[in-house]
Structures are given as C-alpha cells and as structure tokens.
N, C-alpha and C. Protein backbone atom coordinates (compact mmCIF):
# COMPACT_ATOMS: atom_id res chain seq x y z
N MET A 1 30.88 3.57 -9.97
CA MET A 1 29.49 3.18 -9.95
C MET A 1 29.36 1.81 -10.59
N ILE A 2 28.69 0.89 -9.89
CA ILE A 2 28.50 -0.48 -10.38
C ILE A 2 27.06 -0.61 -10.87
N PHE A 3 26.90 -1.00 -12.13
CA PHE A 3 25.57 -1.24 -12.67
C PHE A 3 25.44 -2.71 -12.99
N PHE A 4 24.36 -3.31 -12.55
CA PHE A 4 24.09 -4.71 -12.81
C PHE A 4 23.07 -4.80 -13.94
N GLN A 5 23.08 -5.91 -14.66
CA GLN A 5 22.13 -6.13 -15.74
C GLN A 5 21.22 -7.29 -15.36
N GLY A 6 19.96 -7.17 -15.73
CA GLY A 6 19.04 -8.25 -15.46
C GLY A 6 17.60 -7.78 -15.47
N TYR A 7 16.75 -8.59 -14.86
CA TYR A 7 15.32 -8.32 -14.81
C TYR A 7 14.85 -8.54 -13.37
N ALA A 8 13.79 -7.83 -13.01
CA ALA A 8 13.21 -8.02 -11.69
C ALA A 8 11.70 -7.87 -11.77
N ILE A 9 11.01 -8.72 -11.01
CA ILE A 9 9.57 -8.57 -10.82
C ILE A 9 9.43 -7.81 -9.51
N GLU A 10 8.76 -6.66 -9.57
CA GLU A 10 8.70 -5.77 -8.42
C GLU A 10 7.26 -5.47 -8.03
N LEU A 11 7.10 -5.22 -6.74
CA LEU A 11 5.82 -4.85 -6.16
C LEU A 11 5.89 -3.36 -5.87
N TYR A 12 4.94 -2.57 -6.41
CA TYR A 12 4.94 -1.11 -6.28
C TYR A 12 3.86 -0.64 -5.31
N PHE A 13 4.06 0.55 -4.78
CA PHE A 13 3.24 1.06 -3.68
C PHE A 13 2.23 2.11 -4.14
N ASP A 14 1.29 2.41 -3.22
CA ASP A 14 0.37 3.51 -3.46
C ASP A 14 1.17 4.82 -3.41
N PRO A 15 0.65 5.91 -4.01
CA PRO A 15 1.42 7.16 -4.11
C PRO A 15 1.91 7.71 -2.76
N ALA A 16 1.11 7.63 -1.72
CA ALA A 16 1.54 8.18 -0.43
C ALA A 16 2.72 7.41 0.14
N LEU A 17 2.68 6.08 0.07
CA LEU A 17 3.79 5.27 0.57
C LEU A 17 5.03 5.47 -0.31
N GLU A 18 4.82 5.52 -1.62
CA GLU A 18 5.95 5.76 -2.53
C GLU A 18 6.63 7.08 -2.19
N ASN A 19 5.86 8.11 -1.91
CA ASN A 19 6.44 9.41 -1.56
C ASN A 19 7.23 9.37 -0.26
N GLN A 20 6.79 8.58 0.70
CA GLN A 20 7.55 8.43 1.95
C GLN A 20 8.92 7.82 1.68
N VAL A 21 8.97 6.82 0.83
CA VAL A 21 10.24 6.18 0.48
C VAL A 21 11.13 7.15 -0.31
N LEU A 22 10.52 7.86 -1.26
CA LEU A 22 11.29 8.84 -2.05
C LEU A 22 11.89 9.93 -1.16
N LYS A 23 11.18 10.29 -0.11
CA LYS A 23 11.70 11.28 0.82
C LYS A 23 13.02 10.79 1.43
N ALA A 24 13.07 9.52 1.81
CA ALA A 24 14.30 8.93 2.36
C ALA A 24 15.41 8.94 1.31
N TRP A 25 15.09 8.55 0.06
CA TRP A 25 16.08 8.57 -1.01
C TRP A 25 16.67 9.96 -1.17
N ASN A 26 15.78 10.97 -1.17
CA ASN A 26 16.22 12.34 -1.41
C ASN A 26 17.07 12.88 -0.26
N VAL A 27 16.74 12.55 0.97
CA VAL A 27 17.55 13.00 2.11
C VAL A 27 18.95 12.38 2.01
N LEU A 28 19.02 11.10 1.71
CA LEU A 28 20.32 10.43 1.58
C LEU A 28 21.12 11.00 0.41
N ALA A 29 20.44 11.37 -0.66
CA ALA A 29 21.13 11.97 -1.81
C ALA A 29 21.64 13.37 -1.47
N ARG A 30 20.82 14.18 -0.80
CA ARG A 30 21.25 15.53 -0.42
C ARG A 30 22.47 15.49 0.49
N ARG A 31 22.54 14.49 1.33
CA ARG A 31 23.69 14.35 2.24
C ARG A 31 24.86 13.63 1.55
N GLN A 32 24.70 13.32 0.29
CA GLN A 32 25.72 12.65 -0.52
C GLN A 32 26.17 11.33 0.08
N ILE A 33 25.18 10.61 0.65
CA ILE A 33 25.45 9.28 1.20
C ILE A 33 25.23 8.23 0.11
N SER A 34 24.10 8.36 -0.63
CA SER A 34 23.80 7.42 -1.70
C SER A 34 22.82 8.05 -2.69
N THR A 35 23.19 7.96 -3.97
CA THR A 35 22.31 8.44 -5.04
C THR A 35 22.00 7.32 -6.04
N GLN A 36 22.47 6.11 -5.73
CA GLN A 36 22.40 4.98 -6.66
C GLN A 36 20.99 4.72 -7.19
N LEU A 37 20.00 4.65 -6.31
CA LEU A 37 18.64 4.31 -6.73
C LEU A 37 18.05 5.40 -7.63
N ILE A 38 18.39 6.64 -7.35
CA ILE A 38 17.93 7.76 -8.19
C ILE A 38 18.63 7.70 -9.54
N GLU A 39 19.94 7.44 -9.53
CA GLU A 39 20.72 7.41 -10.78
C GLU A 39 20.29 6.30 -11.72
N ILE A 40 19.90 5.14 -11.18
CA ILE A 40 19.47 4.06 -12.07
C ILE A 40 17.99 4.16 -12.41
N GLU A 41 17.36 5.27 -11.97
CA GLU A 41 15.96 5.57 -12.28
C GLU A 41 15.02 4.48 -11.75
N SER A 42 15.33 4.01 -10.55
CA SER A 42 14.49 3.01 -9.91
C SER A 42 13.22 3.67 -9.39
N ARG A 43 12.33 2.85 -8.88
CA ARG A 43 11.07 3.30 -8.28
C ARG A 43 10.93 2.53 -6.97
N PRO A 44 10.42 3.15 -5.91
CA PRO A 44 10.28 2.41 -4.65
C PRO A 44 9.51 1.10 -4.86
N HIS A 45 10.06 0.02 -4.28
CA HIS A 45 9.52 -1.31 -4.57
C HIS A 45 10.00 -2.34 -3.56
N ILE A 46 9.39 -3.51 -3.65
CA ILE A 46 9.88 -4.74 -3.02
C ILE A 46 10.14 -5.70 -4.17
N THR A 47 11.36 -6.24 -4.26
CA THR A 47 11.68 -7.19 -5.32
C THR A 47 11.15 -8.57 -4.95
N LEU A 48 10.34 -9.12 -5.84
CA LEU A 48 9.77 -10.45 -5.65
C LEU A 48 10.63 -11.54 -6.28
N LEU A 49 11.35 -11.17 -7.35
CA LEU A 49 12.22 -12.10 -8.07
C LEU A 49 13.17 -11.28 -8.92
N SER A 50 14.39 -11.73 -9.00
CA SER A 50 15.36 -11.10 -9.89
C SER A 50 16.15 -12.20 -10.58
N ALA A 51 16.49 -11.97 -11.85
CA ALA A 51 17.22 -12.97 -12.62
C ALA A 51 18.01 -12.28 -13.72
N PRO A 52 19.14 -12.88 -14.11
CA PRO A 52 19.93 -12.28 -15.19
C PRO A 52 19.20 -12.29 -16.53
N PHE A 53 18.32 -13.30 -16.74
CA PHE A 53 17.56 -13.31 -17.97
C PHE A 53 16.16 -13.85 -17.72
N ILE A 54 15.18 -13.12 -18.22
CA ILE A 54 13.78 -13.53 -18.18
C ILE A 54 13.19 -13.16 -19.54
N GLU A 55 12.30 -13.96 -20.04
CA GLU A 55 11.66 -13.66 -21.32
C GLU A 55 10.39 -12.83 -21.07
N PRO A 56 10.47 -11.49 -21.25
CA PRO A 56 9.34 -10.62 -20.92
C PRO A 56 8.03 -11.00 -21.62
N SER A 57 8.10 -11.39 -22.89
CA SER A 57 6.86 -11.70 -23.63
C SER A 57 6.17 -12.94 -23.05
N LYS A 58 6.94 -13.84 -22.46
CA LYS A 58 6.38 -15.03 -21.83
C LYS A 58 5.74 -14.67 -20.48
N LEU A 59 6.35 -13.72 -19.78
CA LEU A 59 5.89 -13.37 -18.44
C LEU A 59 4.69 -12.43 -18.43
N GLU A 60 4.58 -11.58 -19.43
CA GLU A 60 3.53 -10.56 -19.40
C GLU A 60 2.13 -11.14 -19.18
N PRO A 61 1.68 -12.13 -19.96
CA PRO A 61 0.33 -12.66 -19.71
C PRO A 61 0.21 -13.37 -18.36
N LEU A 62 1.29 -14.01 -17.91
CA LEU A 62 1.26 -14.69 -16.60
C LEU A 62 1.07 -13.69 -15.47
N ILE A 63 1.83 -12.60 -15.51
CA ILE A 63 1.76 -11.61 -14.44
C ILE A 63 0.44 -10.84 -14.51
N LYS A 64 -0.03 -10.58 -15.73
CA LYS A 64 -1.31 -9.88 -15.88
C LYS A 64 -2.43 -10.72 -15.25
N ASN A 65 -2.45 -11.99 -15.54
CA ASN A 65 -3.46 -12.90 -15.00
C ASN A 65 -3.32 -13.03 -13.48
N PHE A 66 -2.09 -13.15 -13.00
CA PHE A 66 -1.84 -13.27 -11.57
C PHE A 66 -2.32 -12.01 -10.85
N ALA A 67 -1.97 -10.83 -11.37
CA ALA A 67 -2.34 -9.55 -10.74
C ALA A 67 -3.85 -9.40 -10.65
N ALA A 68 -4.56 -9.83 -11.69
CA ALA A 68 -6.02 -9.69 -11.72
C ALA A 68 -6.70 -10.47 -10.60
N LYS A 69 -6.04 -11.54 -10.14
CA LYS A 69 -6.63 -12.39 -9.10
C LYS A 69 -6.24 -11.96 -7.69
N GLN A 70 -5.42 -10.92 -7.57
CA GLN A 70 -4.92 -10.48 -6.27
C GLN A 70 -5.64 -9.22 -5.82
N GLU A 71 -5.48 -8.90 -4.55
CA GLU A 71 -5.99 -7.65 -3.99
C GLU A 71 -4.79 -6.83 -3.55
N PRO A 72 -4.94 -5.50 -3.48
CA PRO A 72 -3.84 -4.70 -2.92
C PRO A 72 -3.45 -5.25 -1.53
N LEU A 73 -2.15 -5.22 -1.26
CA LEU A 73 -1.62 -5.76 -0.02
C LEU A 73 -1.29 -4.64 0.95
N GLN A 74 -1.76 -4.75 2.17
CA GLN A 74 -1.37 -3.77 3.18
C GLN A 74 0.07 -4.03 3.58
N LEU A 75 0.86 -2.94 3.64
CA LEU A 75 2.26 -3.03 4.03
C LEU A 75 2.53 -2.08 5.18
N ASN A 76 3.32 -2.54 6.14
CA ASN A 76 3.79 -1.68 7.22
C ASN A 76 5.29 -1.88 7.37
N PHE A 77 6.03 -0.81 7.12
CA PHE A 77 7.48 -0.85 7.27
C PHE A 77 7.81 -0.40 8.69
N LEU A 78 8.28 -1.35 9.50
CA LEU A 78 8.50 -1.08 10.91
C LEU A 78 9.97 -0.92 11.29
N SER A 79 10.87 -1.40 10.43
CA SER A 79 12.28 -1.37 10.82
C SER A 79 13.17 -1.06 9.62
N ILE A 80 14.42 -0.74 9.95
CA ILE A 80 15.43 -0.50 8.92
C ILE A 80 16.48 -1.59 9.07
N GLY A 81 17.14 -1.91 7.95
CA GLY A 81 18.13 -2.97 8.01
C GLY A 81 19.17 -2.83 6.93
N SER A 82 20.09 -3.78 6.92
CA SER A 82 21.18 -3.80 5.95
C SER A 82 21.46 -5.25 5.58
N LEU A 83 21.87 -5.45 4.35
CA LEU A 83 22.27 -6.79 3.91
C LEU A 83 23.79 -6.90 3.96
N PRO A 84 24.31 -8.01 4.49
CA PRO A 84 25.76 -8.16 4.61
C PRO A 84 26.40 -8.63 3.29
N ASN A 85 26.37 -7.73 2.31
CA ASN A 85 27.02 -8.07 1.04
C ASN A 85 27.77 -6.85 0.50
N GLU A 86 28.37 -7.02 -0.65
CA GLU A 86 29.23 -5.97 -1.21
C GLU A 86 28.46 -4.75 -1.71
N ASN A 87 27.13 -4.85 -1.82
CA ASN A 87 26.35 -3.72 -2.35
C ASN A 87 26.01 -2.67 -1.30
N ASN A 88 26.26 -2.99 -0.02
CA ASN A 88 25.96 -2.07 1.08
C ASN A 88 24.57 -1.46 0.93
N ILE A 89 23.56 -2.30 0.94
CA ILE A 89 22.17 -1.88 0.79
C ILE A 89 21.56 -1.59 2.16
N LEU A 90 20.88 -0.47 2.26
CA LEU A 90 20.05 -0.16 3.42
C LEU A 90 18.61 -0.23 2.97
N PHE A 91 17.73 -0.72 3.86
CA PHE A 91 16.36 -0.91 3.43
C PHE A 91 15.37 -0.69 4.57
N LEU A 92 14.12 -0.50 4.15
CA LEU A 92 12.99 -0.54 5.06
C LEU A 92 12.43 -1.96 4.99
N SER A 93 12.13 -2.51 6.14
CA SER A 93 11.66 -3.88 6.20
C SER A 93 10.17 -3.92 6.52
N PRO A 94 9.38 -4.55 5.64
CA PRO A 94 7.94 -4.66 5.94
C PRO A 94 7.69 -5.80 6.93
N THR A 95 6.63 -5.68 7.68
CA THR A 95 6.19 -6.80 8.50
C THR A 95 5.88 -7.94 7.54
N PRO A 96 6.51 -9.12 7.73
CA PRO A 96 6.27 -10.24 6.81
C PRO A 96 4.93 -10.92 7.12
N THR A 97 3.85 -10.25 6.70
CA THR A 97 2.51 -10.78 6.97
C THR A 97 2.27 -12.05 6.15
N LEU A 98 1.32 -12.83 6.62
CA LEU A 98 0.94 -14.04 5.89
C LEU A 98 0.50 -13.68 4.48
N ALA A 99 -0.24 -12.57 4.33
CA ALA A 99 -0.71 -12.15 2.99
C ALA A 99 0.47 -11.88 2.06
N LEU A 100 1.50 -11.18 2.55
CA LEU A 100 2.67 -10.88 1.71
C LEU A 100 3.42 -12.16 1.36
N LEU A 101 3.62 -13.03 2.32
CA LEU A 101 4.35 -14.27 2.07
C LEU A 101 3.58 -15.19 1.13
N GLN A 102 2.26 -15.24 1.26
CA GLN A 102 1.46 -16.06 0.35
C GLN A 102 1.46 -15.48 -1.06
N PHE A 103 1.40 -14.15 -1.18
CA PHE A 103 1.46 -13.48 -2.48
C PHE A 103 2.74 -13.91 -3.20
N HIS A 104 3.87 -13.82 -2.49
CA HIS A 104 5.17 -14.18 -3.06
C HIS A 104 5.19 -15.67 -3.44
N SER A 105 4.73 -16.51 -2.55
CA SER A 105 4.72 -17.95 -2.79
C SER A 105 3.86 -18.31 -4.00
N GLN A 106 2.68 -17.71 -4.10
CA GLN A 106 1.78 -17.99 -5.23
C GLN A 106 2.39 -17.52 -6.55
N LEU A 107 3.05 -16.35 -6.53
CA LEU A 107 3.72 -15.87 -7.74
C LEU A 107 4.81 -16.84 -8.18
N LEU A 108 5.63 -17.29 -7.23
CA LEU A 108 6.70 -18.23 -7.59
C LEU A 108 6.14 -19.52 -8.16
N GLU A 109 5.03 -19.98 -7.62
CA GLU A 109 4.42 -21.21 -8.12
C GLU A 109 3.97 -21.03 -9.58
N VAL A 110 3.35 -19.90 -9.89
CA VAL A 110 2.94 -19.60 -11.28
C VAL A 110 4.16 -19.58 -12.19
N LEU A 111 5.23 -18.93 -11.75
CA LEU A 111 6.44 -18.83 -12.57
C LEU A 111 7.13 -20.18 -12.74
N ARG A 112 7.20 -20.93 -11.66
CA ARG A 112 7.85 -22.25 -11.70
C ARG A 112 7.14 -23.16 -12.69
N LYS A 113 5.81 -23.11 -12.73
CA LYS A 113 5.04 -23.95 -13.66
C LYS A 113 5.37 -23.62 -15.11
N GLU A 114 5.83 -22.40 -15.35
CA GLU A 114 6.19 -21.99 -16.71
C GLU A 114 7.69 -22.14 -16.97
N GLY A 115 8.39 -22.77 -16.06
CA GLY A 115 9.80 -23.05 -16.27
C GLY A 115 10.75 -21.91 -15.91
N VAL A 116 10.26 -20.90 -15.20
CA VAL A 116 11.14 -19.80 -14.78
C VAL A 116 11.98 -20.30 -13.61
N GLU A 117 13.29 -20.13 -13.74
CA GLU A 117 14.21 -20.56 -12.68
C GLU A 117 14.18 -19.56 -11.53
N ILE A 118 14.04 -20.09 -10.31
CA ILE A 118 13.97 -19.26 -9.12
C ILE A 118 15.31 -19.36 -8.39
N GLY A 119 16.02 -18.23 -8.28
CA GLY A 119 17.31 -18.22 -7.59
C GLY A 119 17.14 -18.45 -6.10
N ASP A 120 18.20 -18.92 -5.45
CA ASP A 120 18.15 -19.26 -4.02
C ASP A 120 17.62 -18.15 -3.15
N GLU A 121 18.05 -16.90 -3.39
CA GLU A 121 17.64 -15.82 -2.49
C GLU A 121 16.17 -15.45 -2.62
N PHE A 122 15.48 -15.96 -3.65
CA PHE A 122 14.06 -15.65 -3.83
C PHE A 122 13.15 -16.85 -3.53
N ARG A 123 13.76 -17.99 -3.18
CA ARG A 123 12.95 -19.15 -2.79
C ARG A 123 12.10 -18.80 -1.59
N VAL A 124 10.96 -19.45 -1.47
CA VAL A 124 10.01 -19.16 -0.40
C VAL A 124 10.67 -19.24 0.98
N ASP A 125 11.55 -20.20 1.19
CA ASP A 125 12.14 -20.40 2.51
C ASP A 125 13.36 -19.52 2.79
N SER A 126 13.73 -18.65 1.84
CA SER A 126 14.89 -17.79 2.10
C SER A 126 14.70 -16.33 1.68
N TRP A 127 13.58 -16.00 1.07
CA TRP A 127 13.31 -14.63 0.60
C TRP A 127 13.17 -13.67 1.77
N ILE A 128 13.85 -12.54 1.66
CA ILE A 128 13.74 -11.47 2.65
C ILE A 128 13.07 -10.29 1.94
N PRO A 129 11.80 -10.00 2.29
CA PRO A 129 11.14 -8.85 1.65
C PRO A 129 11.73 -7.55 2.20
N TYR A 130 12.09 -6.65 1.30
CA TYR A 130 12.58 -5.35 1.74
C TYR A 130 12.43 -4.32 0.64
N CYS A 131 12.41 -3.06 1.05
CA CYS A 131 12.34 -1.93 0.12
C CYS A 131 13.66 -1.18 0.22
N PRO A 132 14.50 -1.24 -0.81
CA PRO A 132 15.79 -0.55 -0.72
C PRO A 132 15.62 0.97 -0.64
N VAL A 133 16.40 1.58 0.24
CA VAL A 133 16.42 3.05 0.33
C VAL A 133 17.80 3.61 0.01
N ALA A 134 18.82 2.76 0.00
CA ALA A 134 20.17 3.21 -0.37
C ALA A 134 20.99 2.00 -0.80
N GLU A 135 21.78 2.19 -1.85
CA GLU A 135 22.71 1.16 -2.31
C GLU A 135 24.08 1.79 -2.48
N GLN A 136 25.09 0.95 -2.41
CA GLN A 136 26.48 1.41 -2.56
C GLN A 136 26.83 2.47 -1.50
N VAL A 137 26.36 2.27 -0.27
CA VAL A 137 26.67 3.20 0.81
C VAL A 137 28.10 2.93 1.26
N PRO A 138 28.96 3.96 1.26
CA PRO A 138 30.34 3.74 1.74
C PRO A 138 30.31 3.24 3.19
N ARG A 139 31.15 2.27 3.49
CA ARG A 139 31.19 1.70 4.85
C ARG A 139 31.33 2.78 5.91
N SER A 140 32.13 3.77 5.61
CA SER A 140 32.39 4.83 6.59
C SER A 140 31.16 5.70 6.86
N ARG A 141 30.13 5.59 6.03
CA ARG A 141 28.93 6.43 6.18
C ARG A 141 27.70 5.62 6.59
N MET A 142 27.87 4.33 6.85
CA MET A 142 26.74 3.47 7.23
C MET A 142 26.04 3.99 8.49
N GLY A 143 26.80 4.33 9.50
CA GLY A 143 26.22 4.82 10.74
C GLY A 143 25.39 6.07 10.52
N GLU A 144 25.94 7.00 9.73
CA GLU A 144 25.22 8.24 9.41
C GLU A 144 23.93 7.93 8.64
N ALA A 145 24.02 7.00 7.69
CA ALA A 145 22.85 6.63 6.90
C ALA A 145 21.76 6.02 7.78
N PHE A 146 22.14 5.14 8.70
CA PHE A 146 21.17 4.58 9.63
C PHE A 146 20.53 5.68 10.46
N GLY A 147 21.33 6.67 10.88
CA GLY A 147 20.80 7.79 11.66
C GLY A 147 19.74 8.56 10.89
N VAL A 148 20.01 8.80 9.60
CA VAL A 148 19.06 9.51 8.74
C VAL A 148 17.76 8.71 8.65
N LEU A 149 17.87 7.39 8.45
CA LEU A 149 16.68 6.56 8.32
C LEU A 149 15.92 6.45 9.64
N ARG A 150 16.63 6.46 10.76
CA ARG A 150 15.96 6.42 12.07
C ARG A 150 15.09 7.65 12.27
N ASP A 151 15.46 8.76 11.62
CA ASP A 151 14.68 10.00 11.74
C ASP A 151 13.36 9.94 10.98
N LEU A 152 13.19 8.93 10.11
CA LEU A 152 11.89 8.74 9.47
C LEU A 152 10.90 8.38 10.56
N LYS A 153 9.71 8.78 10.37
CA LYS A 153 8.68 8.46 11.36
C LYS A 153 8.13 7.07 11.07
N LEU A 154 8.79 6.04 11.59
CA LEU A 154 8.32 4.67 11.42
C LEU A 154 7.28 4.38 12.49
N PRO A 155 6.30 3.55 12.25
CA PRO A 155 6.13 2.80 11.00
C PRO A 155 5.59 3.67 9.87
N VAL A 156 5.96 3.28 8.66
CA VAL A 156 5.43 3.88 7.44
C VAL A 156 4.55 2.81 6.82
N GLY A 157 3.32 3.15 6.51
CA GLY A 157 2.41 2.14 5.99
C GLY A 157 1.67 2.59 4.75
N GLY A 158 1.11 1.62 4.08
CA GLY A 158 0.33 1.88 2.87
C GLY A 158 -0.02 0.56 2.22
N TYR A 159 -0.12 0.59 0.91
CA TYR A 159 -0.52 -0.60 0.16
C TYR A 159 0.39 -0.85 -1.03
N ALA A 160 0.60 -2.13 -1.33
CA ALA A 160 1.20 -2.54 -2.60
C ALA A 160 0.04 -2.57 -3.59
N MET A 161 0.17 -1.84 -4.68
CA MET A 161 -0.93 -1.66 -5.62
C MET A 161 -0.68 -2.25 -7.01
N ASP A 162 0.59 -2.41 -7.39
CA ASP A 162 0.94 -2.84 -8.74
C ASP A 162 2.07 -3.86 -8.68
N ILE A 163 2.14 -4.69 -9.71
CA ILE A 163 3.26 -5.60 -9.89
C ILE A 163 3.78 -5.37 -11.30
N GLY A 164 5.11 -5.32 -11.45
CA GLY A 164 5.66 -5.04 -12.77
C GLY A 164 6.97 -5.75 -13.01
N LEU A 165 7.39 -5.71 -14.25
CA LEU A 165 8.69 -6.26 -14.66
C LEU A 165 9.57 -5.12 -15.11
N VAL A 166 10.78 -5.06 -14.57
CA VAL A 166 11.74 -4.06 -15.00
C VAL A 166 12.99 -4.74 -15.53
N GLU A 167 13.62 -4.05 -16.45
CA GLU A 167 14.93 -4.42 -16.94
C GLU A 167 15.87 -3.39 -16.34
N TYR A 168 17.05 -3.82 -15.90
CA TYR A 168 17.98 -2.88 -15.28
C TYR A 168 19.40 -3.19 -15.73
N SER A 169 20.24 -2.30 -15.53
CA SER A 169 20.30 -0.92 -15.14
C SER A 169 20.60 -0.06 -16.36
N PRO A 170 20.04 1.11 -16.49
CA PRO A 170 19.10 1.73 -15.57
C PRO A 170 17.77 0.99 -15.58
N ALA A 171 16.95 1.27 -14.56
CA ALA A 171 15.66 0.60 -14.44
C ALA A 171 14.72 1.09 -15.54
N ARG A 172 14.15 0.14 -16.27
CA ARG A 172 13.19 0.46 -17.34
C ARG A 172 12.02 -0.48 -17.19
N GLU A 173 10.87 0.10 -16.82
CA GLU A 173 9.69 -0.72 -16.63
C GLU A 173 9.21 -1.24 -17.98
N LEU A 174 9.07 -2.55 -18.09
CA LEU A 174 8.59 -3.16 -19.33
C LEU A 174 7.07 -3.27 -19.33
N PHE A 175 6.50 -3.54 -18.16
CA PHE A 175 5.05 -3.54 -17.99
C PHE A 175 4.73 -3.57 -16.51
N SER A 176 3.52 -3.15 -16.16
CA SER A 176 3.02 -3.30 -14.80
C SER A 176 1.51 -3.41 -14.84
N PHE A 177 0.97 -4.07 -13.81
CA PHE A 177 -0.47 -4.29 -13.73
C PHE A 177 -0.94 -4.00 -12.31
N MET A 178 -2.10 -3.34 -12.21
CA MET A 178 -2.70 -3.09 -10.90
C MET A 178 -3.19 -4.40 -10.32
N LEU A 179 -3.05 -4.56 -9.02
CA LEU A 179 -3.57 -5.74 -8.35
C LEU A 179 -5.08 -5.65 -8.30
N GLY A 180 -5.73 -6.75 -8.69
CA GLY A 180 -7.18 -6.80 -8.67
C GLY A 180 -7.86 -6.12 -9.84
N ASN A 181 -7.08 -5.60 -10.78
CA ASN A 181 -7.66 -4.88 -11.92
C ASN A 181 -7.97 -5.86 -13.04
N THR A 182 -9.25 -6.09 -13.29
CA THR A 182 -9.64 -7.02 -14.35
C THR A 182 -10.06 -6.29 -15.61
N ILE A 183 -9.94 -4.96 -15.61
CA ILE A 183 -10.32 -4.17 -16.79
C ILE A 183 -9.21 -4.25 -17.83
N GLU A 184 -9.59 -4.54 -19.05
CA GLU A 184 -8.59 -4.59 -20.13
C GLU A 184 -8.10 -3.19 -20.43
N GLY A 185 -6.76 -3.04 -20.55
CA GLY A 185 -6.22 -1.70 -20.78
C GLY A 185 -5.68 -1.51 -22.14
C-alpha cells in the first residue's frame, strides 16, 4: 500500500451524489478490486489543487471568503476514465461546464495572489476535473473495474456544496465551508 503525504483543496458533493459515489467505492471494495480510498478515509470529491506543503492557517480565511462568494455548482458525471500513471486511478468525469472551470480558475487566482504555488497538473490550461472511485487498481483487474463502473446508472448528477482542505494520508479534513454560506459558524 502506497500512502502519499500532502494537502489538497477538495470540492465536496451533496449527500445524494456522495452516496452514489460511495456505492461505487463499496462495490469495488467488495470485489476486492480497490479499497484504497476507503482505507485512507477519503470522502467523494473533485481535487481542485494538491501540493506537498500548504500553510492551512494562511488558507483558511482565503477559502472561507472565496466559498461565501460562490453558489453550489451543478455537476453531472457522464463518463468513466483512467489516468495513465502509476497510481492506476479510475474516476467519474464531470461535464467540464463553464461554471466548474471558472470556479477552479477563480480559486487559483485567489491562491496565486497569496503566493501559493500551483503545480502543472492543476494549472487552468491542464487541470482535469475528476472524482476518483478507485486507486491502486491492479493492471490485471482494470477491465473488471471498468465493467463494474459501467454498471452504474450514468449520468450521476447533483451539486458541489462544500470546499475544504485535507491533509493526507490518511485523509484528515482540516476545514470546510459551504458554498454561498455567509453565516458565521
């Protein structure tokens, strides 16, 4: 089992959409294809930025302020995919709507102004939005895993409702804020 260390800014879903993703995680775990996301105590999400080091105390007020100015984002996951890297990740891919791409771009601009370094894979012109459903899938089981995911009733839709910062691995949420929530908590 490979555990990575770092931080990620993640976009979280409404309960119904989150449960649809968890259903996929659980089916893959029961078939012993992949349990990685469950083992690291992750939560269904789209990663907006990941970095080996981020200063959480510096980011908390920025993300809180950013979230307050946003509205929940409609998401529709229409396809399944895989990234060609050593992690053998399978994912649900959301329609890259203008609203989602602008949300990501605006967040990066806020972070960049505060000196947060943006890695190549999260730059506006190269970011691939996705929701991981399996990691560390053995090559010999990729076909089976795709078959399991094809059995999901796509499209799966809902809303992104929260943005948060996690430290991993295991995943530990440091803070999260509802989109559009201006009430002090």
